[in-house]
Amino acid sequence: MKKILLLYALLVCFSSFGQNSEKYFLSGGDKAEVGDFKGAILDYTRAIEFNDWFDNPNSLFQPVAYEARGAAKDNLNDYKGAVEDYSKAIQLNPNYVDAYHNRGVSKGKLKDFKGAIEDYTKAIVLDPNYVIAYYGRAVSKYYINDLKGACEDAKKSKSLGYDASKLIQLTCN
């Protein structure tokens, strides 16, 4: 009987593990989906602060929460805040391809094209078929007047299925 009661107590404890972080993370996603980015940021922040979902330092959820909050900040034109959150996601998971790509996007919006190129390049190293990273890198190269590099990346993105025709016309002639 004691074993059954102990097992029941453990199950109750484990079933509540992560409940607050998960609740706020999912709520943040719902809010972001309908365009309530300020509300999403608050909920993602609460999910991160509760830290009951993220006790394991190898957890995949914590970098995702930072990346999602970065995306919400980017949507509110807080590009510096977005870069900070994407950087934290990358610190927690150095192989987080989407965080590199999204940080590149935000850096491009800050006119840090060289930094954007570095991030797009890292995303491509991690995923050689990351089509939109080739396109983003092509655009950044265009802005630093590397037309040859922009042309090559635009052609690569087109070969992977992205419609880069206009950028190819602009950079490859």
N, C-alpha and C. Protein backbone atom coordinates (compact mmCIF):
# COMPACT_ATOMS: atom_id res chain seq x y z
N MET A 1 0.82 -1.20 0.00
CA MET A 1 0.00 0.00 0.00
C MET A 1 0.86 1.26 0.00
N LYS A 2 1.96 1.25 0.80
CA LYS A 2 2.84 2.42 0.84
C LYS A 2 3.44 2.68 -0.53
N LYS A 3 3.80 1.61 -1.24
CA LYS A 3 4.38 1.76 -2.58
C LYS A 3 3.38 2.41 -3.54
N ILE A 4 2.13 2.04 -3.44
CA ILE A 4 1.10 2.61 -4.30
C ILE A 4 0.91 4.09 -3.99
N LEU A 5 0.87 4.44 -2.69
CA LEU A 5 0.72 5.85 -2.31
C LEU A 5 1.94 6.67 -2.77
N LEU A 6 3.13 6.11 -2.64
CA LEU A 6 4.34 6.80 -3.09
C LEU A 6 4.29 7.00 -4.60
N LEU A 7 3.90 5.96 -5.33
CA LEU A 7 3.79 6.05 -6.78
C LEU A 7 2.76 7.11 -7.16
N TYR A 8 1.63 7.16 -6.49
CA TYR A 8 0.61 8.15 -6.76
C TYR A 8 1.15 9.57 -6.51
N ALA A 9 1.85 9.75 -5.39
CA ALA A 9 2.42 11.06 -5.06
C ALA A 9 3.42 11.49 -6.13
N LEU A 10 4.24 10.57 -6.58
CA LEU A 10 5.21 10.88 -7.64
C LEU A 10 4.51 11.26 -8.94
N LEU A 11 3.46 10.53 -9.28
CA LEU A 11 2.72 10.83 -10.51
C LEU A 11 2.10 12.22 -10.45
N VAL A 12 1.56 12.59 -9.31
CA VAL A 12 0.98 13.92 -9.16
C VAL A 12 2.06 14.98 -9.32
N CYS A 13 3.22 14.76 -8.72
CA CYS A 13 4.32 15.72 -8.84
C CYS A 13 4.77 15.85 -10.29
N PHE A 14 4.95 14.71 -10.97
CA PHE A 14 5.44 14.75 -12.34
C PHE A 14 4.40 15.33 -13.30
N SER A 15 3.12 15.11 -13.00
CA SER A 15 2.10 15.64 -13.91
C SER A 15 2.02 17.15 -13.84
N SER A 16 2.44 17.73 -12.71
CA SER A 16 2.41 19.19 -12.61
C SER A 16 3.74 19.81 -13.04
N PHE A 17 4.76 18.99 -13.27
CA PHE A 17 6.07 19.49 -13.71
C PHE A 17 5.92 20.23 -15.03
N GLY A 18 6.37 21.44 -15.05
CA GLY A 18 6.35 22.20 -16.30
C GLY A 18 5.03 22.83 -16.64
N GLN A 19 4.06 22.69 -15.78
CA GLN A 19 2.73 23.16 -16.12
C GLN A 19 2.68 24.67 -16.37
N ASN A 20 3.35 25.44 -15.54
CA ASN A 20 3.30 26.89 -15.72
C ASN A 20 4.04 27.32 -16.98
N SER A 21 5.26 26.82 -17.18
CA SER A 21 6.01 27.19 -18.37
C SER A 21 5.27 26.77 -19.63
N GLU A 22 4.77 25.55 -19.62
CA GLU A 22 4.05 25.06 -20.80
C GLU A 22 2.81 25.91 -21.07
N LYS A 23 2.08 26.22 -20.02
CA LYS A 23 0.86 27.02 -20.17
C LYS A 23 1.18 28.37 -20.81
N TYR A 24 2.21 29.04 -20.27
CA TYR A 24 2.55 30.36 -20.80
C TYR A 24 3.18 30.29 -22.19
N PHE A 25 3.96 29.25 -22.43
CA PHE A 25 4.56 29.10 -23.75
C PHE A 25 3.47 28.93 -24.81
N LEU A 26 2.52 28.04 -24.54
CA LEU A 26 1.42 27.81 -25.49
C LEU A 26 0.55 29.04 -25.65
N SER A 27 0.29 29.74 -24.55
CA SER A 27 -0.48 30.97 -24.61
C SER A 27 0.24 32.03 -25.45
N GLY A 28 1.57 32.11 -25.28
CA GLY A 28 2.36 33.04 -26.10
C GLY A 28 2.22 32.73 -27.58
N GLY A 29 2.26 31.45 -27.91
CA GLY A 29 2.08 31.05 -29.31
C GLY A 29 0.71 31.43 -29.84
N ASP A 30 -0.32 31.22 -29.04
CA ASP A 30 -1.67 31.60 -29.45
C ASP A 30 -1.77 33.10 -29.69
N LYS A 31 -1.17 33.87 -28.80
CA LYS A 31 -1.23 35.33 -28.94
C LYS A 31 -0.45 35.81 -30.15
N ALA A 32 0.72 35.22 -30.38
CA ALA A 32 1.52 35.61 -31.55
C ALA A 32 0.77 35.30 -32.84
N GLU A 33 0.07 34.18 -32.83
CA GLU A 33 -0.67 33.75 -34.03
C GLU A 33 -1.75 34.76 -34.44
N VAL A 34 -2.32 35.45 -33.48
CA VAL A 34 -3.37 36.44 -33.78
C VAL A 34 -2.84 37.87 -33.80
N GLY A 35 -1.52 38.00 -33.71
CA GLY A 35 -0.92 39.34 -33.83
C GLY A 35 -0.77 40.10 -32.54
N ASP A 36 -1.04 39.47 -31.41
CA ASP A 36 -0.85 40.13 -30.11
C ASP A 36 0.58 39.87 -29.65
N PHE A 37 1.52 40.57 -30.24
CA PHE A 37 2.93 40.31 -29.97
C PHE A 37 3.36 40.79 -28.59
N LYS A 38 2.77 41.87 -28.10
CA LYS A 38 3.09 42.32 -26.74
C LYS A 38 2.65 41.27 -25.72
N GLY A 39 1.46 40.74 -25.91
CA GLY A 39 0.97 39.68 -25.03
C GLY A 39 1.82 38.43 -25.14
N ALA A 40 2.24 38.11 -26.36
CA ALA A 40 3.09 36.94 -26.58
C ALA A 40 4.42 37.09 -25.84
N ILE A 41 5.00 38.29 -25.93
CA ILE A 41 6.27 38.53 -25.24
C ILE A 41 6.11 38.34 -23.74
N LEU A 42 5.03 38.85 -23.19
CA LEU A 42 4.79 38.68 -21.75
C LEU A 42 4.68 37.20 -21.38
N ASP A 43 3.95 36.45 -22.19
CA ASP A 43 3.77 35.03 -21.88
C ASP A 43 5.06 34.24 -22.09
N TYR A 44 5.80 34.52 -23.14
CA TYR A 44 7.09 33.83 -23.32
C TYR A 44 8.04 34.16 -22.18
N THR A 45 8.01 35.41 -21.74
CA THR A 45 8.86 35.81 -20.61
C THR A 45 8.47 35.05 -19.36
N ARG A 46 7.18 34.91 -19.12
CA ARG A 46 6.71 34.14 -17.95
C ARG A 46 7.14 32.68 -18.06
N ALA A 47 7.04 32.12 -19.25
CA ALA A 47 7.46 30.72 -19.44
C ALA A 47 8.94 30.56 -19.10
N ILE A 48 9.75 31.50 -19.55
CA ILE A 48 11.19 31.44 -19.27
C ILE A 48 11.45 31.64 -17.78
N GLU A 49 10.75 32.59 -17.17
CA GLU A 49 10.98 32.90 -15.76
C GLU A 49 10.53 31.77 -14.83
N PHE A 50 9.43 31.10 -15.16
CA PHE A 50 8.98 30.00 -14.30
C PHE A 50 10.04 28.91 -14.26
N ASN A 51 10.66 28.67 -15.40
CA ASN A 51 11.78 27.75 -15.51
C ASN A 51 11.44 26.35 -15.01
N ASP A 52 10.17 26.02 -14.81
CA ASP A 52 9.83 24.68 -14.36
C ASP A 52 9.80 23.68 -15.52
N TRP A 53 9.80 24.21 -16.71
CA TRP A 53 9.85 23.35 -17.90
C TRP A 53 11.29 23.11 -18.30
N PHE A 54 12.16 23.99 -17.86
CA PHE A 54 13.51 24.06 -18.40
C PHE A 54 14.58 23.68 -17.39
N ASP A 55 14.24 22.88 -16.39
CA ASP A 55 15.24 22.55 -15.37
C ASP A 55 16.42 21.78 -15.95
N ASN A 56 16.18 21.03 -16.99
CA ASN A 56 17.26 20.30 -17.65
C ASN A 56 18.00 21.27 -18.57
N PRO A 57 19.30 21.49 -18.34
CA PRO A 57 20.02 22.46 -19.17
C PRO A 57 20.10 22.04 -20.64
N ASN A 58 19.81 20.78 -20.92
CA ASN A 58 19.83 20.31 -22.31
C ASN A 58 18.44 20.35 -22.94
N SER A 59 17.49 20.96 -22.26
CA SER A 59 16.12 21.02 -22.75
C SER A 59 16.04 21.78 -24.06
N LEU A 60 15.23 21.27 -24.96
CA LEU A 60 15.01 21.94 -26.24
C LEU A 60 14.02 23.08 -26.11
N PHE A 61 13.27 23.11 -25.03
CA PHE A 61 12.20 24.08 -24.90
C PHE A 61 12.68 25.48 -24.59
N GLN A 62 13.69 25.61 -23.76
CA GLN A 62 14.14 26.95 -23.38
C GLN A 62 14.65 27.73 -24.59
N PRO A 63 15.51 27.16 -25.46
CA PRO A 63 15.92 27.94 -26.64
C PRO A 63 14.73 28.30 -27.54
N VAL A 64 13.76 27.41 -27.62
CA VAL A 64 12.58 27.69 -28.45
C VAL A 64 11.80 28.86 -27.87
N ALA A 65 11.71 28.94 -26.55
CA ALA A 65 10.99 30.05 -25.93
C ALA A 65 11.70 31.37 -26.22
N TYR A 66 13.03 31.37 -26.12
CA TYR A 66 13.78 32.59 -26.44
C TYR A 66 13.63 32.96 -27.92
N GLU A 67 13.67 31.96 -28.79
CA GLU A 67 13.54 32.22 -30.23
C GLU A 67 12.15 32.77 -30.55
N ALA A 68 11.12 32.19 -29.92
CA ALA A 68 9.75 32.65 -30.15
C ALA A 68 9.57 34.08 -29.64
N ARG A 69 10.15 34.38 -28.49
CA ARG A 69 10.06 35.75 -27.96
C ARG A 69 10.81 36.71 -28.88
N GLY A 70 11.94 36.26 -29.43
CA GLY A 70 12.67 37.09 -30.38
C GLY A 70 11.83 37.39 -31.62
N ALA A 71 11.10 36.41 -32.10
CA ALA A 71 10.24 36.62 -33.27
C ALA A 71 9.14 37.64 -32.95
N ALA A 72 8.58 37.56 -31.75
CA ALA A 72 7.55 38.53 -31.37
C ALA A 72 8.13 39.93 -31.29
N LYS A 73 9.34 40.05 -30.74
CA LYS A 73 9.99 41.36 -30.67
C LYS A 73 10.28 41.89 -32.07
N ASP A 74 10.72 41.01 -32.95
CA ASP A 74 10.99 41.42 -34.33
C ASP A 74 9.71 41.98 -34.98
N ASN A 75 8.59 41.34 -34.71
CA ASN A 75 7.32 41.81 -35.26
C ASN A 75 6.91 43.17 -34.72
N LEU A 76 7.46 43.55 -33.56
CA LEU A 76 7.19 44.86 -32.99
C LEU A 76 8.31 45.86 -33.30
N ASN A 77 9.17 45.50 -34.24
CA ASN A 77 10.30 46.33 -34.67
C ASN A 77 11.34 46.55 -33.57
N ASP A 78 11.37 45.69 -32.58
CA ASP A 78 12.42 45.72 -31.56
C ASP A 78 13.51 44.76 -32.00
N TYR A 79 14.27 45.18 -33.01
CA TYR A 79 15.25 44.30 -33.62
C TYR A 79 16.42 44.00 -32.69
N LYS A 80 16.83 44.98 -31.89
CA LYS A 80 17.91 44.73 -30.93
C LYS A 80 17.47 43.70 -29.89
N GLY A 81 16.26 43.84 -29.39
CA GLY A 81 15.74 42.87 -28.44
C GLY A 81 15.62 41.49 -29.06
N ALA A 82 15.21 41.46 -30.33
CA ALA A 82 15.11 40.18 -31.03
C ALA A 82 16.48 39.53 -31.15
N VAL A 83 17.49 40.31 -31.55
CA VAL A 83 18.85 39.78 -31.67
C VAL A 83 19.31 39.22 -30.33
N GLU A 84 19.02 39.91 -29.24
CA GLU A 84 19.41 39.41 -27.91
C GLU A 84 18.76 38.07 -27.61
N ASP A 85 17.47 37.94 -27.91
CA ASP A 85 16.78 36.67 -27.63
C ASP A 85 17.28 35.56 -28.55
N TYR A 86 17.49 35.86 -29.81
CA TYR A 86 18.03 34.83 -30.72
C TYR A 86 19.42 34.41 -30.26
N SER A 87 20.21 35.36 -29.79
CA SER A 87 21.56 35.05 -29.29
C SER A 87 21.49 34.13 -28.08
N LYS A 88 20.53 34.38 -27.20
CA LYS A 88 20.35 33.52 -26.02
C LYS A 88 19.93 32.12 -26.46
N ALA A 89 19.05 32.03 -27.44
CA ALA A 89 18.64 30.72 -27.95
C ALA A 89 19.83 29.97 -28.52
N ILE A 90 20.70 30.68 -29.23
CA ILE A 90 21.89 30.07 -29.82
C ILE A 90 22.87 29.66 -28.73
N GLN A 91 22.99 30.48 -27.70
CA GLN A 91 23.87 30.13 -26.57
C GLN A 91 23.42 28.82 -25.94
N LEU A 92 22.11 28.64 -25.82
CA LEU A 92 21.56 27.43 -25.21
C LEU A 92 21.61 26.23 -26.16
N ASN A 93 21.51 26.50 -27.45
CA ASN A 93 21.56 25.43 -28.46
C ASN A 93 22.34 25.94 -29.67
N PRO A 94 23.65 25.71 -29.69
CA PRO A 94 24.50 26.24 -30.77
C PRO A 94 24.17 25.70 -32.16
N ASN A 95 23.31 24.70 -32.25
CA ASN A 95 22.92 24.14 -33.55
C ASN A 95 21.50 24.52 -33.95
N TYR A 96 20.97 25.58 -33.37
CA TYR A 96 19.59 25.99 -33.61
C TYR A 96 19.53 26.82 -34.90
N VAL A 97 19.29 26.14 -35.99
CA VAL A 97 19.34 26.72 -37.33
C VAL A 97 18.40 27.91 -37.47
N ASP A 98 17.16 27.77 -37.04
CA ASP A 98 16.19 28.85 -37.20
C ASP A 98 16.59 30.10 -36.42
N ALA A 99 17.23 29.92 -35.27
CA ALA A 99 17.66 31.08 -34.49
C ALA A 99 18.75 31.85 -35.23
N TYR A 100 19.66 31.13 -35.89
CA TYR A 100 20.68 31.82 -36.69
C TYR A 100 20.03 32.59 -37.84
N HIS A 101 19.12 31.91 -38.54
CA HIS A 101 18.44 32.57 -39.67
C HIS A 101 17.70 33.81 -39.20
N ASN A 102 16.90 33.66 -38.15
CA ASN A 102 16.08 34.78 -37.68
C ASN A 102 16.93 35.91 -37.13
N ARG A 103 18.05 35.57 -36.50
CA ARG A 103 18.95 36.63 -36.03
C ARG A 103 19.53 37.37 -37.24
N GLY A 104 19.81 36.64 -38.31
CA GLY A 104 20.28 37.28 -39.53
C GLY A 104 19.25 38.25 -40.09
N VAL A 105 18.00 37.86 -40.05
CA VAL A 105 16.92 38.75 -40.53
C VAL A 105 16.90 40.04 -39.70
N SER A 106 16.94 39.88 -38.38
CA SER A 106 16.89 41.07 -37.51
C SER A 106 18.13 41.93 -37.68
N LYS A 107 19.29 41.31 -37.84
CA LYS A 107 20.51 42.09 -38.07
C LYS A 107 20.41 42.85 -39.39
N GLY A 108 19.83 42.23 -40.39
CA GLY A 108 19.63 42.93 -41.67
C GLY A 108 18.74 44.15 -41.50
N LYS A 109 17.71 44.04 -40.68
CA LYS A 109 16.82 45.16 -40.42
C LYS A 109 17.53 46.28 -39.66
N LEU A 110 18.59 45.90 -38.93
CA LEU A 110 19.42 46.88 -38.24
C LEU A 110 20.55 47.40 -39.14
N LYS A 111 20.54 46.95 -40.38
CA LYS A 111 21.56 47.32 -41.38
C LYS A 111 22.95 46.79 -41.02
N ASP A 112 23.00 45.74 -40.22
CA ASP A 112 24.24 45.03 -39.91
C ASP A 112 24.33 43.87 -40.91
N PHE A 113 24.63 44.20 -42.15
CA PHE A 113 24.60 43.21 -43.21
C PHE A 113 25.72 42.18 -43.08
N LYS A 114 26.88 42.60 -42.61
CA LYS A 114 27.97 41.64 -42.41
C LYS A 114 27.61 40.64 -41.31
N GLY A 115 27.02 41.13 -40.24
CA GLY A 115 26.55 40.23 -39.18
C GLY A 115 25.47 39.30 -39.68
N ALA A 116 24.57 39.82 -40.52
CA ALA A 116 23.51 39.00 -41.09
C ALA A 116 24.11 37.90 -41.96
N ILE A 117 25.10 38.26 -42.78
CA ILE A 117 25.75 37.27 -43.65
C ILE A 117 26.37 36.16 -42.80
N GLU A 118 27.02 36.52 -41.70
CA GLU A 118 27.61 35.51 -40.81
C GLU A 118 26.55 34.55 -40.29
N ASP A 119 25.40 35.09 -39.88
CA ASP A 119 24.34 34.23 -39.35
C ASP A 119 23.71 33.36 -40.43
N TYR A 120 23.46 33.93 -41.60
CA TYR A 120 22.92 33.12 -42.70
C TYR A 120 23.91 32.02 -43.08
N THR A 121 25.18 32.35 -43.08
CA THR A 121 26.20 31.36 -43.42
C THR A 121 26.20 30.22 -42.41
N LYS A 122 26.10 30.54 -41.13
CA LYS A 122 26.05 29.50 -40.09
C LYS A 122 24.80 28.63 -40.27
N ALA A 123 23.67 29.23 -40.59
CA ALA A 123 22.45 28.45 -40.84
C ALA A 123 22.65 27.51 -42.02
N ILE A 124 23.33 27.99 -43.05
CA ILE A 124 23.58 27.16 -44.24
C ILE A 124 24.55 26.03 -43.92
N VAL A 125 25.55 26.31 -43.10
CA VAL A 125 26.50 25.25 -42.69
C VAL A 125 25.74 24.15 -41.94
N LEU A 126 24.81 24.56 -41.06
CA LEU A 126 24.04 23.58 -40.30
C LEU A 126 23.00 22.86 -41.15
N ASP A 127 22.47 23.55 -42.16
CA ASP A 127 21.47 22.96 -43.05
C ASP A 127 21.72 23.46 -44.47
N PRO A 128 22.49 22.71 -45.25
CA PRO A 128 22.88 23.16 -46.60
C PRO A 128 21.71 23.38 -47.57
N ASN A 129 20.53 22.95 -47.20
CA ASN A 129 19.35 23.16 -48.06
C ASN A 129 18.40 24.21 -47.51
N TYR A 130 18.87 25.03 -46.60
CA TYR A 130 18.03 26.06 -45.99
C TYR A 130 17.87 27.20 -46.99
N VAL A 131 16.89 27.04 -47.85
CA VAL A 131 16.71 27.89 -49.02
C VAL A 131 16.59 29.37 -48.68
N ILE A 132 15.81 29.70 -47.67
CA ILE A 132 15.58 31.10 -47.35
C ILE A 132 16.83 31.76 -46.77
N ALA A 133 17.73 30.96 -46.19
CA ALA A 133 19.00 31.52 -45.71
C ALA A 133 19.88 31.94 -46.89
N TYR A 134 19.85 31.18 -47.97
CA TYR A 134 20.59 31.59 -49.17
C TYR A 134 20.04 32.91 -49.71
N TYR A 135 18.71 33.01 -49.72
CA TYR A 135 18.09 34.23 -50.23
C TYR A 135 18.43 35.43 -49.33
N GLY A 136 18.30 35.24 -48.03
CA GLY A 136 18.63 36.33 -47.10
C GLY A 136 20.08 36.75 -47.22
N ARG A 137 20.95 35.77 -47.39
CA ARG A 137 22.37 36.10 -47.54
C ARG A 137 22.60 36.83 -48.85
N ALA A 138 21.88 36.45 -49.90
CA ALA A 138 22.00 37.15 -51.19
C ALA A 138 21.58 38.61 -51.04
N VAL A 139 20.49 38.86 -50.36
CA VAL A 139 20.02 40.24 -50.16
C VAL A 139 21.05 41.03 -49.37
N SER A 140 21.59 40.44 -48.31
CA SER A 140 22.60 41.13 -47.50
C SER A 140 23.85 41.42 -48.32
N LYS A 141 24.26 40.48 -49.14
CA LYS A 141 25.43 40.70 -50.00
C LYS A 141 25.15 41.82 -51.00
N TYR A 142 23.93 41.88 -51.49
CA TYR A 142 23.56 42.97 -52.41
C TYR A 142 23.77 44.32 -51.72
N TYR A 143 23.35 44.42 -50.46
CA TYR A 143 23.45 45.70 -49.75
C TYR A 143 24.88 46.10 -49.41
N ILE A 144 25.81 45.16 -49.41
CA ILE A 144 27.21 45.54 -49.21
C ILE A 144 27.95 45.56 -50.55
N ASN A 145 27.18 45.50 -51.63
CA ASN A 145 27.70 45.62 -52.99
C ASN A 145 28.57 44.43 -53.42
N ASP A 146 28.30 43.26 -52.86
CA ASP A 146 28.93 42.02 -53.31
C ASP A 146 27.97 41.36 -54.31
N LEU A 147 27.93 41.93 -55.51
CA LEU A 147 26.94 41.47 -56.50
C LEU A 147 27.22 40.05 -56.97
N LYS A 148 28.48 39.69 -57.08
CA LYS A 148 28.82 38.32 -57.51
C LYS A 148 28.31 37.31 -56.47
N GLY A 149 28.61 37.58 -55.20
CA GLY A 149 28.14 36.70 -54.14
C GLY A 149 26.62 36.68 -54.04
N ALA A 150 26.00 37.84 -54.21
CA ALA A 150 24.54 37.92 -54.18
C ALA A 150 23.93 37.10 -55.31
N CYS A 151 24.54 37.20 -56.49
CA CYS A 151 24.06 36.44 -57.65
C CYS A 151 24.15 34.94 -57.38
N GLU A 152 25.29 34.49 -56.87
CA GLU A 152 25.48 33.06 -56.59
C GLU A 152 24.45 32.55 -55.58
N ASP A 153 24.25 33.30 -54.50
CA ASP A 153 23.29 32.86 -53.49
C ASP A 153 21.86 32.92 -54.00
N ALA A 154 21.53 33.93 -54.80
CA ALA A 154 20.19 34.01 -55.36
C ALA A 154 19.93 32.82 -56.29
N LYS A 155 20.92 32.47 -57.10
CA LYS A 155 20.78 31.31 -57.99
C LYS A 155 20.62 30.01 -57.19
N LYS A 156 21.39 29.90 -56.10
CA LYS A 156 21.28 28.71 -55.26
C LYS A 156 19.89 28.63 -54.63
N SER A 157 19.37 29.75 -54.15
CA SER A 157 18.04 29.72 -53.55
C SER A 157 16.99 29.34 -54.59
N LYS A 158 17.17 29.82 -55.82
CA LYS A 158 16.23 29.46 -56.89
C LYS A 158 16.34 27.97 -57.21
N SER A 159 17.56 27.44 -57.22
CA SER A 159 17.73 26.01 -57.51
C SER A 159 17.10 25.13 -56.44
N LEU A 160 16.95 25.69 -55.24
CA LEU A 160 16.31 24.96 -54.15
C LEU A 160 14.81 25.20 -54.08
N GLY A 161 14.28 26.00 -55.01
CA GLY A 161 12.84 26.16 -55.10
C GLY A 161 12.27 27.50 -54.69
N TYR A 162 13.11 28.45 -54.33
CA TYR A 162 12.62 29.78 -53.93
C TYR A 162 12.61 30.69 -55.15
N ASP A 163 11.57 31.50 -55.29
CA ASP A 163 11.49 32.39 -56.45
C ASP A 163 12.38 33.61 -56.22
N ALA A 164 13.60 33.50 -56.70
CA ALA A 164 14.58 34.58 -56.56
C ALA A 164 14.81 35.29 -57.88
N SER A 165 13.88 35.17 -58.79
CA SER A 165 14.06 35.70 -60.15
C SER A 165 14.40 37.18 -60.18
N LYS A 166 13.67 37.98 -59.40
CA LYS A 166 13.92 39.43 -59.40
C LYS A 166 15.31 39.76 -58.88
N LEU A 167 15.73 39.06 -57.84
CA LEU A 167 17.06 39.31 -57.29
C LEU A 167 18.14 38.83 -58.27
N ILE A 168 17.89 37.77 -58.96
CA ILE A 168 18.83 37.28 -59.97
C ILE A 168 18.97 38.33 -61.07
N GLN A 169 17.86 38.87 -61.54
CA GLN A 169 17.91 39.93 -62.56
C GLN A 169 18.68 41.14 -62.06
N LEU A 170 18.52 41.47 -60.82
CA LEU A 170 19.15 42.66 -60.24
C LEU A 170 20.65 42.46 -60.03
N THR A 171 21.07 41.26 -59.71
CA THR A 171 22.46 41.04 -59.31
C THR A 171 23.33 40.31 -60.34
N CYS A 172 22.73 39.62 -61.26
CA CYS A 172 23.50 38.76 -62.14
C CYS A 172 23.74 39.35 -63.54
N ASN A 173 23.32 40.55 -63.78
CA ASN A 173 23.50 41.14 -65.12
C ASN A 173 24.69 42.05 -65.20
